[in-house]
């Protein structure tokens, strides 16, 4: 059989989108209306979890400040007493899953929204915080960051990880407390690049 010529074998340029956006659909399937079994979603704290009930919300922004509609955000955190469940049985007993996933594509404002509790400090001298991983289209390695809380100024000032961040950039890690009709939210935008780029950690 003769070999194809270059012209005959030219099927056009491969699409430039190298990663995603399919993980949002696959890993948070119920959120996107698919009937797949999934172990985690945006509900981190169940009814009997210990701690103050909060919502963590925000957007993932590109370098131009536009909200990204197909990002996936994962969080992990301690409960209100600074504890992580060690087994599935303990997680059920605590009413706390410690891990959550949310896509940004189903909210009208392209926000991620997590229903959880405000974490306690995990160790003495460490400020309450939430660990965050961001996945999005074109991002070959997921990005790691943290969320601290605006009403924990004293604890934040003593936190070794936050102190390692240049002072002028620490605000990119601080979520602002917002109260609406008795419900408490902490709001933060994750800026992938550009002015006020979020601090990401080499983990």
N, C-alpha and C. Protein backbone atom coordinates (compact mmCIF):
# COMPACT_ATOMS: atom_id res chain seq x y z
N UNK A 1 0.85 -1.19 0.00
CA UNK A 1 0.00 0.00 0.00
C UNK A 1 0.88 1.24 0.00
N UNK A 2 0.64 2.19 -0.91
CA UNK A 2 1.49 3.39 -0.96
C UNK A 2 1.25 4.28 0.26
N UNK A 3 2.31 4.98 0.69
CA UNK A 3 2.20 5.91 1.80
C UNK A 3 1.41 7.14 1.39
N UNK A 4 0.68 7.75 2.36
CA UNK A 4 -0.06 8.97 2.08
C UNK A 4 0.91 10.13 1.94
N UNK A 5 0.57 11.03 1.08
CA UNK A 5 1.37 12.25 0.97
C UNK A 5 1.03 13.17 2.14
N UNK A 6 1.88 14.16 2.34
CA UNK A 6 1.64 15.12 3.42
C UNK A 6 0.31 15.82 3.24
N UNK A 7 -0.03 16.13 1.98
CA UNK A 7 -1.29 16.83 1.72
C UNK A 7 -2.48 15.94 2.07
N UNK A 8 -2.38 14.66 1.71
CA UNK A 8 -3.47 13.73 2.00
C UNK A 8 -3.63 13.49 3.51
N UNK A 9 -2.54 13.58 4.24
CA UNK A 9 -2.56 13.29 5.67
C UNK A 9 -2.84 14.53 6.52
N UNK A 10 -3.05 15.66 5.91
CA UNK A 10 -3.26 16.90 6.66
C UNK A 10 -4.71 17.01 7.13
N UNK A 11 -4.93 16.75 8.41
CA UNK A 11 -6.28 16.82 8.97
C UNK A 11 -6.52 18.12 9.72
N UNK A 12 -5.67 19.09 9.55
CA UNK A 12 -5.85 20.36 10.25
C UNK A 12 -5.10 20.40 11.56
N UNK A 13 -5.05 21.56 12.12
CA UNK A 13 -4.30 21.77 13.35
C UNK A 13 -5.02 21.15 14.53
N UNK A 14 -4.27 20.51 15.40
CA UNK A 14 -4.83 19.98 16.64
C UNK A 14 -5.33 21.13 17.49
N UNK A 15 -6.51 21.03 18.11
CA UNK A 15 -7.00 22.12 18.96
C UNK A 15 -5.99 22.49 20.03
N UNK A 16 -5.91 23.79 20.32
CA UNK A 16 -4.91 24.27 21.26
C UNK A 16 -5.28 24.01 22.71
N UNK A 17 -6.55 23.64 22.96
CA UNK A 17 -6.96 23.37 24.34
C UNK A 17 -6.34 22.04 24.76
N UNK A 18 -5.40 22.09 25.68
CA UNK A 18 -4.62 20.91 26.02
C UNK A 18 -5.17 20.17 27.22
N UNK A 19 -5.86 20.85 28.11
CA UNK A 19 -6.38 20.22 29.32
C UNK A 19 -7.79 20.73 29.57
N UNK A 20 -8.71 19.83 29.89
CA UNK A 20 -10.06 20.22 30.27
C UNK A 20 -10.86 20.71 29.08
N UNK A 21 -12.05 21.21 29.31
CA UNK A 21 -12.68 21.48 30.62
C UNK A 21 -13.45 20.30 31.19
N UNK A 22 -13.11 19.09 30.75
CA UNK A 22 -13.99 17.96 31.02
C UNK A 22 -13.98 17.48 32.46
N UNK A 23 -12.96 17.81 33.25
CA UNK A 23 -12.96 17.30 34.62
C UNK A 23 -14.10 17.86 35.45
N UNK A 24 -14.56 19.07 35.18
CA UNK A 24 -15.70 19.62 35.93
C UNK A 24 -16.93 18.74 35.73
N UNK A 25 -17.19 18.32 34.49
CA UNK A 25 -18.33 17.47 34.22
C UNK A 25 -18.17 16.09 34.86
N UNK A 26 -16.96 15.56 34.81
CA UNK A 26 -16.74 14.21 35.32
C UNK A 26 -16.62 14.12 36.83
N UNK A 27 -16.01 15.12 37.45
CA UNK A 27 -15.75 15.05 38.89
C UNK A 27 -16.84 15.71 39.73
N UNK A 28 -17.66 16.55 39.11
CA UNK A 28 -18.82 17.12 39.81
C UNK A 28 -20.05 16.89 38.94
N UNK A 29 -20.26 15.65 38.60
CA UNK A 29 -21.26 15.29 37.59
C UNK A 29 -22.67 15.73 37.98
N UNK A 30 -23.05 15.51 39.22
CA UNK A 30 -24.41 15.86 39.65
C UNK A 30 -24.66 17.35 39.50
N UNK A 31 -23.66 18.16 39.82
CA UNK A 31 -23.79 19.61 39.69
C UNK A 31 -24.12 20.00 38.25
N UNK A 32 -23.58 19.26 37.29
CA UNK A 32 -23.80 19.57 35.88
C UNK A 32 -24.96 18.79 35.26
N UNK A 33 -25.71 18.09 36.10
CA UNK A 33 -26.91 17.42 35.62
C UNK A 33 -26.71 16.03 35.07
N UNK A 34 -25.54 15.43 35.33
CA UNK A 34 -25.28 14.07 34.85
C UNK A 34 -25.52 13.07 35.99
N UNK A 35 -26.02 11.92 35.62
CA UNK A 35 -26.36 10.91 36.61
C UNK A 35 -25.19 9.95 36.81
N UNK A 36 -24.06 10.49 37.32
CA UNK A 36 -22.90 9.67 37.64
C UNK A 36 -22.76 9.61 39.16
N UNK A 37 -22.26 8.51 39.62
CA UNK A 37 -21.96 8.42 41.04
C UNK A 37 -20.69 9.22 41.33
N UNK A 38 -20.72 10.05 42.35
CA UNK A 38 -19.52 10.83 42.69
C UNK A 38 -19.37 10.86 44.20
N UNK A 39 -18.14 10.71 44.70
CA UNK A 39 -17.95 10.64 46.15
C UNK A 39 -17.98 11.99 46.85
N UNK A 40 -17.70 13.09 46.13
CA UNK A 40 -17.63 14.40 46.76
C UNK A 40 -18.35 15.44 45.91
N UNK A 41 -18.87 16.46 46.60
CA UNK A 41 -19.48 17.59 45.91
C UNK A 41 -19.22 18.82 46.76
N UNK A 42 -20.07 19.84 46.64
CA UNK A 42 -19.83 21.10 47.32
C UNK A 42 -20.29 21.11 48.77
N UNK A 43 -20.92 20.03 49.23
CA UNK A 43 -21.34 19.92 50.63
C UNK A 43 -20.22 19.26 51.43
N UNK A 44 -19.48 20.05 52.17
CA UNK A 44 -18.36 19.54 52.97
C UNK A 44 -18.83 19.16 54.37
N UNK A 45 -19.70 19.97 54.94
CA UNK A 45 -20.21 19.74 56.29
C UNK A 45 -21.66 19.27 56.23
N UNK A 46 -21.96 18.20 56.94
CA UNK A 46 -23.32 17.70 57.02
C UNK A 46 -23.97 18.24 58.30
N UNK A 47 -25.17 17.74 58.62
CA UNK A 47 -25.97 18.36 59.67
C UNK A 47 -25.29 18.40 61.03
N UNK A 48 -24.55 17.37 61.39
CA UNK A 48 -23.99 17.30 62.74
C UNK A 48 -22.53 17.71 62.81
N UNK A 49 -22.03 18.40 61.80
CA UNK A 49 -20.63 18.85 61.83
C UNK A 49 -20.43 19.91 62.90
N UNK A 50 -19.27 19.90 63.53
CA UNK A 50 -18.95 20.87 64.58
C UNK A 50 -18.34 22.12 63.96
N UNK A 51 -18.87 23.28 64.34
CA UNK A 51 -18.32 24.53 63.85
C UNK A 51 -19.40 25.47 63.35
N UNK A 52 -19.01 26.72 63.10
CA UNK A 52 -19.92 27.72 62.59
C UNK A 52 -20.21 27.45 61.12
N UNK A 53 -21.49 27.39 60.77
CA UNK A 53 -21.88 27.14 59.39
C UNK A 53 -21.52 28.34 58.52
N UNK A 54 -20.83 28.07 57.42
CA UNK A 54 -20.45 29.13 56.49
C UNK A 54 -20.60 28.63 55.06
N UNK A 55 -20.57 29.58 54.15
CA UNK A 55 -20.45 29.28 52.72
C UNK A 55 -19.15 29.93 52.25
N UNK A 56 -18.33 29.19 51.54
CA UNK A 56 -17.14 29.75 50.90
C UNK A 56 -17.48 29.96 49.44
N UNK A 57 -17.35 31.20 48.97
CA UNK A 57 -17.75 31.49 47.60
C UNK A 57 -16.74 32.42 46.93
N UNK A 58 -16.70 32.35 45.62
CA UNK A 58 -15.82 33.23 44.86
C UNK A 58 -15.79 32.81 43.41
N UNK A 59 -14.93 33.49 42.66
CA UNK A 59 -14.77 33.19 41.23
C UNK A 59 -13.29 32.90 40.95
N UNK A 60 -13.05 32.18 39.87
CA UNK A 60 -11.71 32.01 39.34
C UNK A 60 -11.59 32.96 38.16
N UNK A 61 -10.63 33.89 38.21
CA UNK A 61 -10.51 34.94 37.20
C UNK A 61 -9.26 34.75 36.35
N UNK A 62 -9.37 35.06 35.06
CA UNK A 62 -8.21 35.00 34.19
C UNK A 62 -7.41 36.30 34.27
N UNK A 63 -6.38 36.42 33.45
CA UNK A 63 -5.50 37.58 33.52
C UNK A 63 -6.17 38.89 33.17
N UNK A 64 -7.31 38.83 32.47
CA UNK A 64 -8.06 40.04 32.13
C UNK A 64 -9.16 40.34 33.14
N UNK A 65 -9.25 39.53 34.19
CA UNK A 65 -10.28 39.75 35.20
C UNK A 65 -11.62 39.14 34.86
N UNK A 66 -11.67 38.28 33.84
CA UNK A 66 -12.92 37.63 33.46
C UNK A 66 -13.11 36.33 34.22
N UNK A 67 -14.33 36.07 34.64
CA UNK A 67 -14.63 34.84 35.37
C UNK A 67 -14.52 33.64 34.43
N UNK A 68 -13.85 32.59 34.90
CA UNK A 68 -13.66 31.37 34.12
C UNK A 68 -14.82 30.42 34.40
N UNK A 69 -15.51 30.01 33.35
CA UNK A 69 -16.73 29.23 33.52
C UNK A 69 -16.55 27.74 33.54
N UNK A 70 -15.33 27.24 33.32
CA UNK A 70 -15.14 25.79 33.32
C UNK A 70 -13.99 25.36 34.23
N UNK A 71 -13.77 26.13 35.31
CA UNK A 71 -12.75 25.74 36.29
C UNK A 71 -13.35 24.76 37.28
N UNK A 72 -12.48 24.01 37.93
CA UNK A 72 -12.88 23.10 39.01
C UNK A 72 -12.05 23.48 40.23
N UNK A 73 -12.73 23.66 41.36
CA UNK A 73 -12.06 24.02 42.61
C UNK A 73 -12.27 22.89 43.60
N UNK A 74 -11.18 22.45 44.22
CA UNK A 74 -11.24 21.46 45.29
C UNK A 74 -10.76 22.10 46.58
N UNK A 75 -11.40 21.76 47.69
CA UNK A 75 -10.96 22.26 48.99
C UNK A 75 -10.80 21.10 49.97
N UNK A 76 -9.89 21.28 50.91
CA UNK A 76 -9.79 20.37 52.05
C UNK A 76 -9.56 21.21 53.29
N UNK A 77 -10.12 20.77 54.41
CA UNK A 77 -10.06 21.58 55.61
C UNK A 77 -10.37 20.74 56.84
N UNK A 78 -9.99 21.28 58.00
CA UNK A 78 -10.39 20.69 59.28
C UNK A 78 -11.79 21.18 59.64
N UNK A 79 -12.40 20.52 60.62
CA UNK A 79 -13.71 20.97 61.09
C UNK A 79 -13.53 22.12 62.09
N UNK A 80 -14.60 22.51 62.75
CA UNK A 80 -14.54 23.65 63.66
C UNK A 80 -13.66 23.45 64.87
N UNK A 81 -13.28 22.20 65.14
CA UNK A 81 -12.39 21.89 66.25
C UNK A 81 -10.97 21.61 65.77
N UNK A 82 -10.70 21.86 64.50
CA UNK A 82 -9.36 21.62 63.97
C UNK A 82 -9.06 20.17 63.69
N UNK A 83 -10.09 19.35 63.49
CA UNK A 83 -9.90 17.91 63.32
C UNK A 83 -10.27 17.47 61.90
N UNK A 84 -9.52 16.48 61.41
CA UNK A 84 -9.84 15.80 60.16
C UNK A 84 -10.34 14.39 60.50
N UNK A 85 -11.37 13.90 59.84
CA UNK A 85 -11.73 12.49 60.03
C UNK A 85 -10.65 11.60 59.45
N UNK A 86 -10.39 10.49 60.13
CA UNK A 86 -9.33 9.59 59.70
C UNK A 86 -9.84 8.39 58.91
N UNK A 87 -11.14 8.11 59.01
CA UNK A 87 -11.74 6.98 58.29
C UNK A 87 -13.12 7.40 57.79
N UNK A 88 -13.66 6.69 56.81
CA UNK A 88 -15.03 7.00 56.38
C UNK A 88 -16.04 6.90 57.52
N UNK A 89 -15.85 5.93 58.41
CA UNK A 89 -16.77 5.80 59.54
C UNK A 89 -16.69 7.02 60.45
N UNK A 90 -15.48 7.53 60.68
CA UNK A 90 -15.33 8.72 61.51
C UNK A 90 -15.92 9.94 60.82
N UNK A 91 -15.76 10.03 59.52
CA UNK A 91 -16.35 11.15 58.77
C UNK A 91 -17.86 11.13 58.92
N UNK A 92 -18.47 9.96 58.86
CA UNK A 92 -19.92 9.84 59.03
C UNK A 92 -20.33 10.24 60.43
N UNK A 93 -19.56 9.80 61.41
CA UNK A 93 -19.86 10.14 62.81
C UNK A 93 -19.72 11.64 63.07
N UNK A 94 -18.69 12.26 62.48
CA UNK A 94 -18.45 13.69 62.65
C UNK A 94 -19.41 14.55 61.81
N UNK A 95 -20.02 13.94 60.81
CA UNK A 95 -20.84 14.70 59.88
C UNK A 95 -20.01 15.67 59.07
N UNK A 96 -18.79 15.26 58.79
CA UNK A 96 -17.85 16.18 58.15
C UNK A 96 -16.98 15.41 57.18
N UNK A 97 -17.00 15.85 55.91
CA UNK A 97 -16.31 15.11 54.86
C UNK A 97 -14.88 15.60 54.64
N UNK A 98 -14.57 16.83 55.04
CA UNK A 98 -13.22 17.42 55.00
C UNK A 98 -12.73 17.75 53.59
N UNK A 99 -13.47 17.36 52.57
CA UNK A 99 -13.05 17.56 51.19
C UNK A 99 -14.28 17.89 50.35
N UNK A 100 -14.11 18.81 49.40
CA UNK A 100 -15.21 19.16 48.52
C UNK A 100 -14.73 19.54 47.14
N UNK A 101 -15.65 19.43 46.16
CA UNK A 101 -15.37 19.83 44.78
C UNK A 101 -16.53 20.64 44.25
N UNK A 102 -16.21 21.68 43.49
CA UNK A 102 -17.25 22.48 42.85
C UNK A 102 -16.74 23.03 41.52
N UNK A 103 -17.56 22.95 40.49
CA UNK A 103 -17.26 23.59 39.23
C UNK A 103 -17.81 25.01 39.22
N UNK A 104 -17.33 25.80 38.29
CA UNK A 104 -17.78 27.20 38.21
C UNK A 104 -18.79 27.43 37.08
N UNK A 105 -19.22 26.37 36.41
CA UNK A 105 -20.00 26.55 35.20
C UNK A 105 -21.50 26.53 35.35
N UNK A 106 -22.02 26.30 36.55
CA UNK A 106 -23.48 26.22 36.70
C UNK A 106 -24.06 27.43 37.43
N UNK A 107 -23.23 28.30 37.94
CA UNK A 107 -23.69 29.50 38.64
C UNK A 107 -23.76 30.67 37.65
N UNK A 108 -24.81 31.50 37.72
CA UNK A 108 -24.92 32.63 36.77
C UNK A 108 -23.71 33.57 36.80
N UNK A 109 -23.03 33.66 37.95
CA UNK A 109 -21.86 34.52 38.07
C UNK A 109 -20.55 33.74 37.95
N UNK A 110 -20.66 32.47 37.57
CA UNK A 110 -19.48 31.59 37.47
C UNK A 110 -18.72 31.49 38.78
N UNK A 111 -19.47 31.41 39.87
CA UNK A 111 -18.85 31.26 41.18
C UNK A 111 -18.69 29.79 41.54
N UNK A 112 -17.74 29.50 42.43
CA UNK A 112 -17.73 28.24 43.17
C UNK A 112 -18.41 28.52 44.51
N UNK A 113 -19.13 27.54 45.02
CA UNK A 113 -19.88 27.70 46.27
C UNK A 113 -19.72 26.42 47.09
N UNK A 114 -19.19 26.53 48.29
CA UNK A 114 -19.05 25.39 49.18
C UNK A 114 -19.84 25.63 50.46
N UNK A 115 -20.53 24.60 50.92
CA UNK A 115 -21.28 24.65 52.17
C UNK A 115 -20.49 23.87 53.21
N UNK A 116 -19.99 24.57 54.20
CA UNK A 116 -19.06 23.94 55.11
C UNK A 116 -19.16 24.59 56.49
N UNK A 117 -18.14 24.40 57.32
CA UNK A 117 -18.02 25.09 58.60
C UNK A 117 -16.69 25.83 58.61
N UNK A 118 -16.63 26.86 59.40
CA UNK A 118 -15.36 27.57 59.54
C UNK A 118 -14.38 26.67 60.28
N UNK A 119 -13.21 26.42 59.72
CA UNK A 119 -12.28 25.49 60.37
C UNK A 119 -11.66 26.09 61.62
N UNK A 120 -11.31 25.20 62.55
CA UNK A 120 -10.50 25.59 63.68
C UNK A 120 -9.03 25.45 63.34
N UNK A 121 -8.18 25.99 64.19
CA UNK A 121 -6.73 25.86 63.98
C UNK A 121 -6.33 24.40 64.15
N UNK A 122 -5.51 23.90 63.23
CA UNK A 122 -5.10 22.50 63.28
C UNK A 122 -4.00 22.27 64.32
N UNK A 123 -3.12 23.24 64.50
CA UNK A 123 -2.03 23.14 65.47
C UNK A 123 -1.87 24.50 66.15
N UNK A 124 -1.27 24.55 67.35
CA UNK A 124 -1.05 25.83 68.01
C UNK A 124 -0.19 26.75 67.14
N UNK A 125 -0.58 28.01 67.04
CA UNK A 125 0.17 28.97 66.25
C UNK A 125 -0.20 29.02 64.79
N UNK A 126 -1.07 28.11 64.36
CA UNK A 126 -1.49 28.08 62.96
C UNK A 126 -2.87 28.71 62.85
N UNK A 127 -3.07 29.58 61.87
CA UNK A 127 -4.37 30.23 61.70
C UNK A 127 -5.35 29.28 61.03
N UNK A 128 -6.64 29.43 61.32
CA UNK A 128 -7.64 28.66 60.59
C UNK A 128 -7.52 28.95 59.09
N UNK A 129 -7.62 27.91 58.28
CA UNK A 129 -7.48 28.11 56.84
C UNK A 129 -8.13 26.95 56.10
N UNK A 130 -8.33 27.16 54.81
CA UNK A 130 -8.83 26.12 53.91
C UNK A 130 -7.82 25.94 52.79
N UNK A 131 -7.44 24.71 52.52
CA UNK A 131 -6.54 24.40 51.41
C UNK A 131 -7.34 24.33 50.12
N UNK A 132 -6.78 24.89 49.04
CA UNK A 132 -7.51 25.00 47.78
C UNK A 132 -6.63 24.51 46.63
N UNK A 133 -7.25 23.76 45.73
CA UNK A 133 -6.61 23.34 44.48
C UNK A 133 -7.48 23.83 43.33
N UNK A 134 -6.86 24.41 42.32
CA UNK A 134 -7.58 24.91 41.15
C UNK A 134 -7.14 24.12 39.91
N UNK A 135 -8.12 23.62 39.16
CA UNK A 135 -7.87 22.98 37.87
C UNK A 135 -8.67 23.75 36.83
N UNK A 136 -8.10 23.93 35.66
CA UNK A 136 -8.81 24.64 34.60
C UNK A 136 -8.17 24.33 33.27
N UNK A 137 -8.87 24.71 32.21
CA UNK A 137 -8.41 24.44 30.86
C UNK A 137 -7.05 25.08 30.61
N UNK A 138 -6.14 24.32 29.99
CA UNK A 138 -4.82 24.84 29.65
C UNK A 138 -3.84 24.83 30.81
N UNK A 139 -4.28 24.45 32.00
CA UNK A 139 -3.41 24.43 33.16
C UNK A 139 -2.87 23.02 33.32
N UNK A 140 -1.62 22.81 32.92
CA UNK A 140 -1.06 21.45 32.89
C UNK A 140 -0.83 20.90 34.29
N UNK A 141 -0.52 21.76 35.24
CA UNK A 141 -0.35 21.35 36.64
C UNK A 141 -1.34 22.15 37.47
N UNK A 142 -2.10 21.47 38.31
CA UNK A 142 -3.06 22.21 39.12
C UNK A 142 -2.34 23.12 40.11
N UNK A 143 -3.03 24.18 40.50
CA UNK A 143 -2.44 25.22 41.34
C UNK A 143 -2.94 25.08 42.78
N UNK A 144 -2.03 25.26 43.73
CA UNK A 144 -2.34 25.12 45.14
C UNK A 144 -2.32 26.49 45.82
N UNK A 145 -3.33 26.76 46.63
CA UNK A 145 -3.32 27.98 47.41
C UNK A 145 -4.03 27.73 48.73
N UNK A 146 -4.22 28.80 49.50
CA UNK A 146 -4.93 28.71 50.77
C UNK A 146 -5.90 29.86 50.89
N UNK A 147 -6.92 29.67 51.74
CA UNK A 147 -7.84 30.74 52.09
C UNK A 147 -7.77 30.95 53.60
N UNK A 148 -7.48 32.18 54.00
CA UNK A 148 -7.54 32.59 55.40
C UNK A 148 -8.76 33.49 55.58
N UNK A 149 -9.02 33.91 56.82
CA UNK A 149 -10.26 34.59 57.13
C UNK A 149 -10.01 35.99 57.66
N UNK A 150 -10.80 36.94 57.16
CA UNK A 150 -10.58 38.35 57.50
C UNK A 150 -10.79 38.65 58.97
N UNK A 151 -11.61 37.87 59.66
CA UNK A 151 -11.89 38.12 61.08
C UNK A 151 -10.98 37.32 62.01
N UNK A 152 -9.86 36.84 61.49
CA UNK A 152 -8.87 36.11 62.29
C UNK A 152 -7.52 36.83 62.23
N UNK A 153 -7.54 38.16 62.37
CA UNK A 153 -6.33 38.96 62.19
C UNK A 153 -5.21 38.54 63.14
N UNK A 154 -5.54 38.30 64.41
CA UNK A 154 -4.50 37.93 65.38
C UNK A 154 -3.86 36.60 65.02
N UNK A 155 -4.69 35.62 64.69
CA UNK A 155 -4.16 34.30 64.32
C UNK A 155 -3.39 34.39 63.01
N UNK A 156 -3.89 35.17 62.06
CA UNK A 156 -3.21 35.32 60.77
C UNK A 156 -1.81 35.90 60.96
N UNK A 157 -1.67 36.84 61.90
CA UNK A 157 -0.38 37.49 62.12
C UNK A 157 0.67 36.52 62.65
N UNK A 158 0.24 35.41 63.25
CA UNK A 158 1.17 34.44 63.84
C UNK A 158 1.39 33.22 62.95
N UNK A 159 0.67 33.14 61.84
CA UNK A 159 0.75 31.96 60.99
C UNK A 159 2.03 31.96 60.17
N UNK A 160 2.82 30.90 60.28
CA UNK A 160 4.14 30.85 59.63
C UNK A 160 4.02 30.84 58.10
N UNK A 161 3.02 30.14 57.57
CA UNK A 161 2.87 30.08 56.11
C UNK A 161 2.48 31.45 55.57
N UNK A 162 1.53 32.09 56.21
CA UNK A 162 1.11 33.41 55.75
C UNK A 162 2.24 34.42 55.91
N UNK A 163 3.03 34.28 56.96
CA UNK A 163 4.16 35.19 57.17
C UNK A 163 5.23 35.03 56.11
N UNK A 164 5.27 33.87 55.45
CA UNK A 164 6.27 33.64 54.40
C UNK A 164 5.92 34.34 53.10
N UNK A 165 4.69 34.85 53.00
CA UNK A 165 4.22 35.54 51.81
C UNK A 165 4.56 37.03 51.94
N UNK A 166 5.07 37.67 50.89
CA UNK A 166 5.33 39.11 50.98
C UNK A 166 4.11 39.87 51.47
N UNK A 167 4.34 40.83 52.35
CA UNK A 167 3.23 41.52 53.01
C UNK A 167 2.24 42.12 52.03
N UNK A 168 2.75 42.64 50.91
CA UNK A 168 1.87 43.31 49.95
C UNK A 168 1.00 42.33 49.16
N UNK A 169 1.25 41.03 49.30
CA UNK A 169 0.46 40.04 48.55
C UNK A 169 -0.42 39.17 49.44
N UNK A 170 -0.32 39.34 50.76
CA UNK A 170 -1.09 38.49 51.66
C UNK A 170 -2.58 38.65 51.50
N UNK A 171 -3.03 39.83 51.08
CA UNK A 171 -4.47 40.07 50.96
C UNK A 171 -5.10 39.16 49.90
N UNK A 172 -4.30 38.62 48.98
CA UNK A 172 -4.86 37.73 47.96
C UNK A 172 -5.31 36.39 48.54
N UNK A 173 -4.95 36.13 49.79
CA UNK A 173 -5.31 34.88 50.45
C UNK A 173 -6.39 35.06 51.51
N UNK A 174 -6.88 36.28 51.69
CA UNK A 174 -7.82 36.58 52.77
C UNK A 174 -9.24 36.68 52.23
N UNK A 175 -10.12 35.83 52.74
CA UNK A 175 -11.54 35.87 52.37
C UNK A 175 -12.27 36.83 53.30
N UNK A 176 -13.13 37.65 52.72
CA UNK A 176 -13.88 38.65 53.48
C UNK A 176 -15.19 38.05 54.00
N UNK A 177 -15.48 38.31 55.26
CA UNK A 177 -16.71 37.82 55.87
C UNK A 177 -17.89 38.69 55.43
N UNK A 178 -18.98 38.03 55.02
CA UNK A 178 -20.20 38.72 54.59
C UNK A 178 -21.37 38.05 55.30
N UNK A 179 -22.22 38.85 55.93
CA UNK A 179 -23.40 38.31 56.60
C UNK A 179 -24.65 38.80 55.90
N UNK A 180 -25.52 37.85 55.55
CA UNK A 180 -26.77 38.18 54.88
C UNK A 180 -27.90 37.43 55.57
N UNK A 181 -28.76 38.17 56.26
CA UNK A 181 -29.92 37.56 56.89
C UNK A 181 -29.58 36.43 57.84
N UNK A 182 -28.50 36.58 58.58
CA UNK A 182 -28.09 35.56 59.53
C UNK A 182 -27.19 34.48 58.96
N UNK A 183 -27.06 34.41 57.64
CA UNK A 183 -26.16 33.44 57.01
C UNK A 183 -24.79 34.07 56.81
N UNK A 184 -23.75 33.29 57.03
CA UNK A 184 -22.38 33.79 56.95
C UNK A 184 -21.69 33.20 55.73
N UNK A 185 -21.11 34.07 54.93
CA UNK A 185 -20.29 33.65 53.79
C UNK A 185 -18.92 34.29 53.92
N UNK A 186 -17.93 33.61 53.36
CA UNK A 186 -16.60 34.19 53.17
C UNK A 186 -16.36 34.21 51.67
N UNK A 187 -15.99 35.39 51.18
CA UNK A 187 -15.88 35.57 49.74
C UNK A 187 -14.45 35.87 49.34
N UNK A 188 -13.98 35.17 48.30
CA UNK A 188 -12.63 35.40 47.78
C UNK A 188 -12.60 35.05 46.30
N UNK A 189 -11.95 35.86 45.50
CA UNK A 189 -11.71 35.54 44.10
C UNK A 189 -10.29 35.02 43.95
N UNK A 190 -10.14 34.01 43.12
CA UNK A 190 -8.82 33.43 42.82
C UNK A 190 -8.39 33.96 41.47
N UNK A 191 -7.35 34.77 41.46
CA UNK A 191 -6.86 35.39 40.22
C UNK A 191 -5.66 34.59 39.72
N UNK A 192 -5.81 34.02 38.54
CA UNK A 192 -4.78 33.12 38.02
C UNK A 192 -3.54 33.86 37.54
N UNK A 193 -3.68 35.10 37.09
CA UNK A 193 -2.53 35.91 36.68
C UNK A 193 -2.95 37.37 36.62
N UNK A 194 -2.00 38.23 36.33
CA UNK A 194 -2.31 39.65 36.22
C UNK A 194 -2.20 40.38 37.54
N UNK A 195 -2.81 41.58 37.59
CA UNK A 195 -2.77 42.39 38.81
C UNK A 195 -3.45 41.64 39.94
N UNK A 196 -2.82 41.69 41.11
CA UNK A 196 -3.36 40.99 42.30
C UNK A 196 -3.47 39.48 42.10
N UNK A 197 -2.56 38.91 41.31
CA UNK A 197 -2.55 37.45 41.16
C UNK A 197 -2.50 36.77 42.52
N UNK A 198 -3.33 35.77 42.69
CA UNK A 198 -3.35 35.01 43.94
C UNK A 198 -1.99 34.37 44.18
N UNK A 199 -1.60 34.30 45.43
CA UNK A 199 -0.37 33.58 45.78
C UNK A 199 -0.64 32.08 45.68
N UNK A 200 0.18 31.40 44.91
CA UNK A 200 0.12 29.96 44.79
C UNK A 200 1.38 29.35 45.40
N UNK A 201 1.23 28.15 45.95
CA UNK A 201 2.32 27.51 46.67
C UNK A 201 2.88 26.33 45.87
N UNK A 202 4.18 26.15 45.97
CA UNK A 202 4.88 25.03 45.33
C UNK A 202 4.81 23.85 46.28
N UNK A 203 3.82 22.98 46.07
CA UNK A 203 3.57 21.87 46.99
C UNK A 203 4.12 20.58 46.40
